[in-house]
Amino acid sequence: MPNQLHPSSPYSDINRLADGEIVHLASGIKLSFEQLIELIADQTIIHISEQHDNLAAHEVQLQIINAIYQQRNGKIITAMEMFRQDVQSKLDLLKYGTLSRSDFNQLFDQQWTPAWRPAYQPILDTILQNKIPVYGLKPTRQTEDIVRNGERDATTPQIDLEDIHHRNHFLPFFKAGKSPDKAEQFYRMMCLWDEAMAEQLAKIICEDKNKDSTIISIAGAGHIAYGFGIPKRCFRRHPHEYTTIIPVSEHNTTDAPPLLLGDYVWKVPYDKLELSA
């Protein structure tokens, strides 16, 4: 009998793809980079996932940003997990060319993991040089503290904790070595991040100044893969056309949900960022 392929990639064994191959998962058809860009350029949102320390995944993001920038004649927006929503006034300086490279890098280091900046530097430089608008997606620490304590206020997004596929996929990770209450708290925070980033993207879509732009959303694979994180939760708030692209070095189907991993996968090596001592 032939090997059974998993529903997350019903026509392709992702682990057997060569590095650099791009596949449309619903059909199993391989595409060139040019075909991919032609297909996705007019989407409202292009979600591109990452493994944070994989240089190859960030190279995929950079190639797509550059290609969509050219295809859309500069009408693109980036939205990044790496920045919190409450630094938006500083990020807005980018489109006016009044935020220096050193200040942009410093802001990144304050908001994300400084040791990882070399992996993102080419993307940050491209954004800076082309004055591409950037939106911060991650919720504020204040909102995180409120939700962590099981509370909510006017800043708290609507949070869906009952998506069966999402819950069954992530909750077991949080249960390991933790009490049920603590596991639920960790899962609640995971959902908060998805919902807050989705809500921010929905707001971006609805701003008149962004109507003609393609939004490129950059976040970790846990927030984009399988579509039940940011993509579904943003669509729930404001139906729109979107696509998900998953740069992947290895696909583990043992605990994978019965959902497509993404609309497209781009096979990459695991080019681990070497952290300085």
Protein backbone atom coordinates (compact mmCIF):
# COMPACT_ATOMS: atom_id res chain seq x y z
CA MET A 1 0.00 0.00 0.00
CA PRO A 2 1.19 3.54 -0.69
CA ASN A 3 2.22 5.71 2.23
CA GLN A 4 -0.68 7.63 3.73
CA LEU A 5 -0.16 11.37 3.61
CA HIS A 6 -1.44 13.55 6.44
CA PRO A 7 -4.42 15.93 5.88
CA SER A 8 -2.11 18.85 6.70
CA SER A 9 -0.38 18.15 3.36
CA PRO A 10 -2.64 15.70 1.50
CA TYR A 11 -0.69 15.51 -1.77
CA SER A 12 2.94 16.12 -0.76
CA ASP A 13 5.38 14.73 1.76
CA ILE A 14 6.85 18.06 2.83
CA ASN A 15 9.92 16.40 4.30
CA ARG A 16 10.80 15.01 0.86
CA LEU A 17 10.73 18.36 -0.87
CA ALA A 18 14.02 19.89 -1.93
CA ASP A 19 15.07 23.12 -0.29
CA GLY A 20 13.61 26.03 -2.23
CA GLU A 21 10.60 24.14 -3.58
CA ILE A 22 7.23 25.88 -3.21
CA VAL A 23 4.02 23.85 -3.09
CA HIS A 24 0.34 24.76 -3.18
CA LEU A 25 -0.82 22.35 -0.50
CA ALA A 26 -4.46 21.95 -1.51
CA SER A 27 -3.39 20.58 -4.90
CA GLY A 28 0.18 19.40 -4.32
CA ILE A 29 1.29 21.41 -7.36
CA LYS A 30 4.77 22.93 -7.29
CA LEU A 31 5.14 26.56 -8.26
CA SER A 32 7.95 28.86 -9.27
CA PHE A 33 8.61 31.93 -7.17
CA GLU A 34 7.23 34.10 -9.97
CA GLN A 35 4.00 32.08 -10.07
CA LEU A 36 3.61 32.39 -6.31
CA ILE A 37 3.98 36.17 -6.40
CA GLU A 38 1.51 36.46 -9.26
CA LEU A 39 -1.04 34.45 -7.27
CA ILE A 40 -0.70 36.28 -3.95
CA ALA A 41 0.08 39.89 -4.86
CA ASP A 42 -3.52 41.11 -4.74
CA GLN A 43 -4.46 39.45 -1.46
CA THR A 44 -5.53 41.77 1.35
CA ILE A 45 -3.16 40.02 3.78
CA ILE A 46 -0.21 37.74 3.11
CA HIS A 47 0.65 35.91 6.33
CA ILE A 48 4.24 34.60 6.37
CA SER A 49 5.30 32.47 9.31
CA GLU A 50 8.77 31.92 10.72
CA GLN A 51 10.88 29.90 13.07
CA HIS A 52 12.41 32.87 14.85
CA ASP A 53 16.04 31.70 14.75
CA ASN A 54 15.97 30.26 11.22
CA LEU A 55 17.81 32.57 8.84
CA ALA A 56 16.35 30.73 5.84
CA ALA A 57 12.78 31.56 6.90
CA HIS A 58 13.64 35.24 7.18
CA GLU A 59 15.21 35.13 3.72
CA VAL A 60 11.87 33.86 2.38
CA GLN A 61 10.07 36.75 4.09
CA LEU A 62 12.53 39.24 2.62
CA GLN A 63 12.18 37.86 -0.91
CA ILE A 64 8.39 38.10 -0.70
CA ILE A 65 8.45 41.63 0.74
CA ASN A 66 10.74 42.80 -2.08
CA ALA A 67 8.72 41.08 -4.80
CA ILE A 68 5.34 42.34 -3.55
CA TYR A 69 6.81 45.83 -3.16
CA GLN A 70 7.76 45.75 -6.84
CA GLN A 71 4.54 44.08 -7.98
CA ARG A 72 2.33 46.56 -6.10
CA ASN A 73 4.43 49.63 -6.95
CA GLY A 74 5.29 50.20 -3.32
CA LYS A 75 1.73 49.84 -2.01
CA ILE A 76 2.51 47.47 0.82
CA ILE A 77 2.35 47.51 4.61
CA THR A 78 4.20 45.28 7.05
CA ALA A 79 2.66 44.15 10.32
CA MET A 80 4.99 42.43 12.76
CA GLU A 81 4.65 40.38 15.92
CA MET A 82 8.02 41.79 17.00
CA PHE A 83 6.58 45.18 17.97
CA ARG A 84 3.89 45.94 20.53
CA GLN A 85 0.90 48.05 19.66
CA ASP A 86 1.79 50.83 22.10
CA VAL A 87 4.93 51.84 20.16
CA GLN A 88 2.93 52.64 17.01
CA SER A 89 3.67 56.37 17.23
CA LYS A 90 7.39 55.59 16.94
CA LEU A 91 6.87 53.12 14.10
CA ASP A 92 4.86 55.74 12.21
CA LEU A 93 8.04 57.79 11.86
CA LEU A 94 9.33 55.21 9.36
CA LYS A 95 7.01 56.28 6.56
CA TYR A 96 8.20 59.87 6.96
CA GLY A 97 11.86 58.88 6.93
CA THR A 98 12.42 60.44 10.35
CA LEU A 99 13.38 57.29 12.27
CA SER A 100 17.10 56.57 12.03
CA ARG A 101 18.52 53.08 11.51
CA SER A 102 20.06 53.08 14.98
CA ASP A 103 16.77 54.17 16.59
CA PHE A 104 14.82 51.55 14.62
CA ASN A 105 17.28 48.86 15.69
CA GLN A 106 17.13 50.05 19.28
CA LEU A 107 13.34 49.90 19.21
CA PHE A 108 13.50 46.35 17.85
CA ASP A 109 15.92 45.33 20.60
CA GLN A 110 13.63 46.80 23.26
CA GLN A 111 10.58 45.08 21.85
CA TRP A 112 11.90 41.68 20.79
CA THR A 113 15.01 39.58 21.48
CA PRO A 114 18.19 41.63 20.79
CA ALA A 115 20.25 38.51 20.06
CA TRP A 116 17.90 37.67 17.18
CA ARG A 117 18.20 41.03 15.43
CA PRO A 118 20.86 39.83 12.92
CA ALA A 119 18.24 37.46 11.51
CA TYR A 120 15.83 40.36 10.97
CA GLN A 121 18.32 43.07 9.98
CA PRO A 122 17.89 42.69 6.19
CA ILE A 123 14.11 43.00 6.62
CA LEU A 124 14.44 46.01 8.92
CA ASP A 125 16.82 47.69 6.48
CA THR A 126 14.50 47.08 3.53
CA ILE A 127 11.58 48.57 5.46
CA LEU A 128 13.67 51.57 6.45
CA GLN A 129 15.12 52.23 2.99
CA ASN A 130 11.75 52.01 1.25
CA LYS A 131 9.77 53.81 3.97
CA ILE A 132 7.39 50.86 4.20
CA PRO A 133 4.76 51.42 6.92
CA VAL A 134 5.05 49.07 9.90
CA TYR A 135 2.35 48.18 12.40
CA GLY A 136 3.05 46.55 15.74
CA LEU A 137 0.82 43.54 16.34
CA LYS A 138 1.65 42.27 19.82
CA PRO A 139 -0.60 43.36 22.72
CA THR A 140 0.64 45.70 25.41
CA ARG A 141 2.10 44.31 28.61
CA GLN A 142 -0.82 45.88 30.49
CA THR A 143 -3.30 43.85 28.43
CA GLU A 144 -1.21 40.73 28.96
CA ASP A 145 -1.24 41.23 32.75
CA ILE A 146 -5.02 41.69 32.78
CA VAL A 147 -5.67 38.51 30.79
CA ARG A 148 -3.04 36.53 32.71
CA ASN A 149 -5.05 37.25 35.87
CA GLY A 150 -8.24 36.00 34.24
CA GLU A 151 -9.73 39.47 33.96
CA ARG A 152 -10.69 41.79 31.10
CA ASP A 153 -11.23 45.48 30.46
CA ALA A 154 -11.91 47.79 27.53
CA THR A 155 -8.50 46.99 25.99
CA THR A 156 -9.04 43.22 26.02
CA PRO A 157 -9.97 41.66 22.67
CA GLN A 158 -12.68 39.04 22.35
CA ILE A 159 -10.89 35.73 22.97
CA ASP A 160 -12.04 32.39 21.57
CA LEU A 161 -10.76 29.58 23.81
CA GLU A 162 -12.93 26.87 22.28
CA ASP A 163 -11.53 26.27 18.79
CA ILE A 164 -11.30 22.48 18.98
CA HIS A 165 -8.35 22.11 16.61
CA HIS A 166 -6.37 24.96 18.15
CA ARG A 167 -7.09 23.81 21.70
CA ASN A 168 -6.26 20.16 21.01
CA HIS A 169 -3.02 21.18 19.31
CA PHE A 170 -1.61 23.60 21.88
CA LEU A 171 -3.07 22.73 25.29
CA PRO A 172 -1.12 19.44 25.64
CA PHE A 173 2.15 21.41 25.34
CA PHE A 174 1.10 23.65 28.20
CA LYS A 175 -0.11 20.77 30.37
CA ALA A 176 3.34 19.17 30.60
CA GLY A 177 4.49 19.51 34.20
CA LYS A 178 1.87 22.14 35.05
CA SER A 179 -1.35 22.20 37.05
CA PRO A 180 -4.60 22.38 35.04
CA ASP A 181 -5.10 26.00 36.09
CA LYS A 182 -1.59 26.99 35.06
CA ALA A 183 -1.96 25.17 31.73
CA GLU A 184 -5.20 27.06 31.06
CA GLN A 185 -3.46 30.32 31.90
CA PHE A 186 -0.69 29.62 29.38
CA TYR A 187 -3.26 28.64 26.77
CA ARG A 188 -5.28 31.78 27.47
CA MET A 189 -2.16 33.89 26.85
CA MET A 190 -1.49 32.08 23.57
CA CYS A 191 -5.02 32.89 22.45
CA LEU A 192 -4.68 36.49 23.61
CA TRP A 193 -1.65 36.98 21.38
CA ASP A 194 -3.50 35.51 18.40
CA GLU A 195 -6.63 37.58 19.06
CA ALA A 196 -4.82 40.85 19.74
CA MET A 197 -2.73 40.52 16.59
CA ALA A 198 -5.81 39.55 14.58
CA GLU A 199 -7.77 42.50 15.94
CA GLN A 200 -4.95 44.88 15.06
CA LEU A 201 -4.82 43.52 11.51
CA ALA A 202 -8.60 43.91 11.17
CA LYS A 203 -8.25 47.57 12.20
CA ILE A 204 -5.47 48.08 9.66
CA ILE A 205 -7.67 46.65 6.89
CA CYS A 206 -10.49 49.03 7.78
CA GLU A 207 -8.41 52.22 7.69
CA ASP A 208 -9.18 54.16 4.51
CA LYS A 209 -5.51 54.98 3.93
CA ASN A 210 -4.73 51.25 3.68
CA LYS A 211 -7.50 50.24 1.27
CA ASP A 212 -5.21 49.87 -1.76
CA SER A 213 -2.27 48.26 0.03
CA THR A 214 -1.25 44.64 0.48
CA ILE A 215 -0.49 43.82 4.12
CA ILE A 216 2.38 41.45 4.84
CA SER A 217 1.92 39.92 8.27
CA ILE A 218 4.99 38.42 9.94
CA ALA A 219 4.69 36.21 13.02
CA GLY A 220 5.85 32.92 14.46
CA ALA A 221 4.60 29.67 12.96
CA GLY A 222 2.47 28.98 16.05
CA HIS A 223 0.36 32.01 15.18
CA ILE A 224 -0.04 31.35 11.43
CA ALA A 225 0.37 27.63 10.63
CA TYR A 226 -2.88 25.69 10.16
CA GLY A 227 -4.75 28.99 9.89
CA PHE A 228 -6.46 28.76 13.28
CA GLY A 229 -4.40 31.49 14.94
CA ILE A 230 -4.16 34.97 13.50
CA PRO A 231 -5.64 34.24 10.02
CA LYS A 232 -8.97 32.74 11.17
CA ARG A 233 -9.39 35.19 14.03
CA CYS A 234 -8.78 38.18 11.76
CA PHE A 235 -11.22 36.81 9.16
CA ARG A 236 -13.84 36.39 11.91
CA ARG A 237 -13.61 40.11 12.64
CA HIS A 238 -13.52 41.32 9.05
CA PRO A 239 -13.92 38.85 6.15
CA HIS A 240 -11.24 39.44 3.52
CA GLU A 241 -8.97 37.67 1.05
CA TYR A 242 -5.80 36.29 2.59
CA THR A 243 -3.15 33.64 2.07
CA THR A 244 -0.72 31.83 4.36
CA ILE A 245 2.85 30.94 3.45
CA ILE A 246 4.80 28.59 5.70
CA PRO A 247 8.58 28.36 5.33
CA VAL A 248 9.27 24.92 6.80
CA SER A 249 12.42 22.90 7.37
CA GLU A 250 10.69 19.86 8.88
CA HIS A 251 7.04 18.85 9.10
CA ASN A 252 6.11 16.70 12.09
CA THR A 253 2.71 15.13 11.52
CA THR A 254 2.58 13.18 14.79
CA ASP A 255 0.52 15.81 16.59
CA ALA A 256 -0.60 17.82 13.58
CA PRO A 257 -4.29 18.76 13.33
CA PRO A 258 -6.32 17.60 10.30
CA LEU A 259 -6.00 21.03 8.67
CA LEU A 260 -3.81 22.26 5.83
CA LEU A 261 -0.50 23.50 7.23
CA GLY A 262 -0.93 26.58 5.05
CA ASP A 263 -1.97 27.63 1.59
CA TYR A 264 1.63 27.35 0.43
CA VAL A 265 4.73 25.79 1.93
CA TRP A 266 8.25 26.85 1.01
CA LYS A 267 10.80 24.20 1.92
CA VAL A 268 13.86 25.69 3.60
CA PRO A 269 16.91 24.35 5.43
CA TYR A 270 17.25 25.00 9.15
CA ASP A 271 19.92 27.68 9.01
CA LYS A 272 20.16 28.37 12.72
CA LEU A 273 21.23 31.83 13.81
CA GLU A 274 24.48 31.57 15.74
CA LEU A 275 24.04 33.62 18.88
CA SER A 276 27.01 35.68 19.99
CA ALA A 277 28.49 34.81 23.37
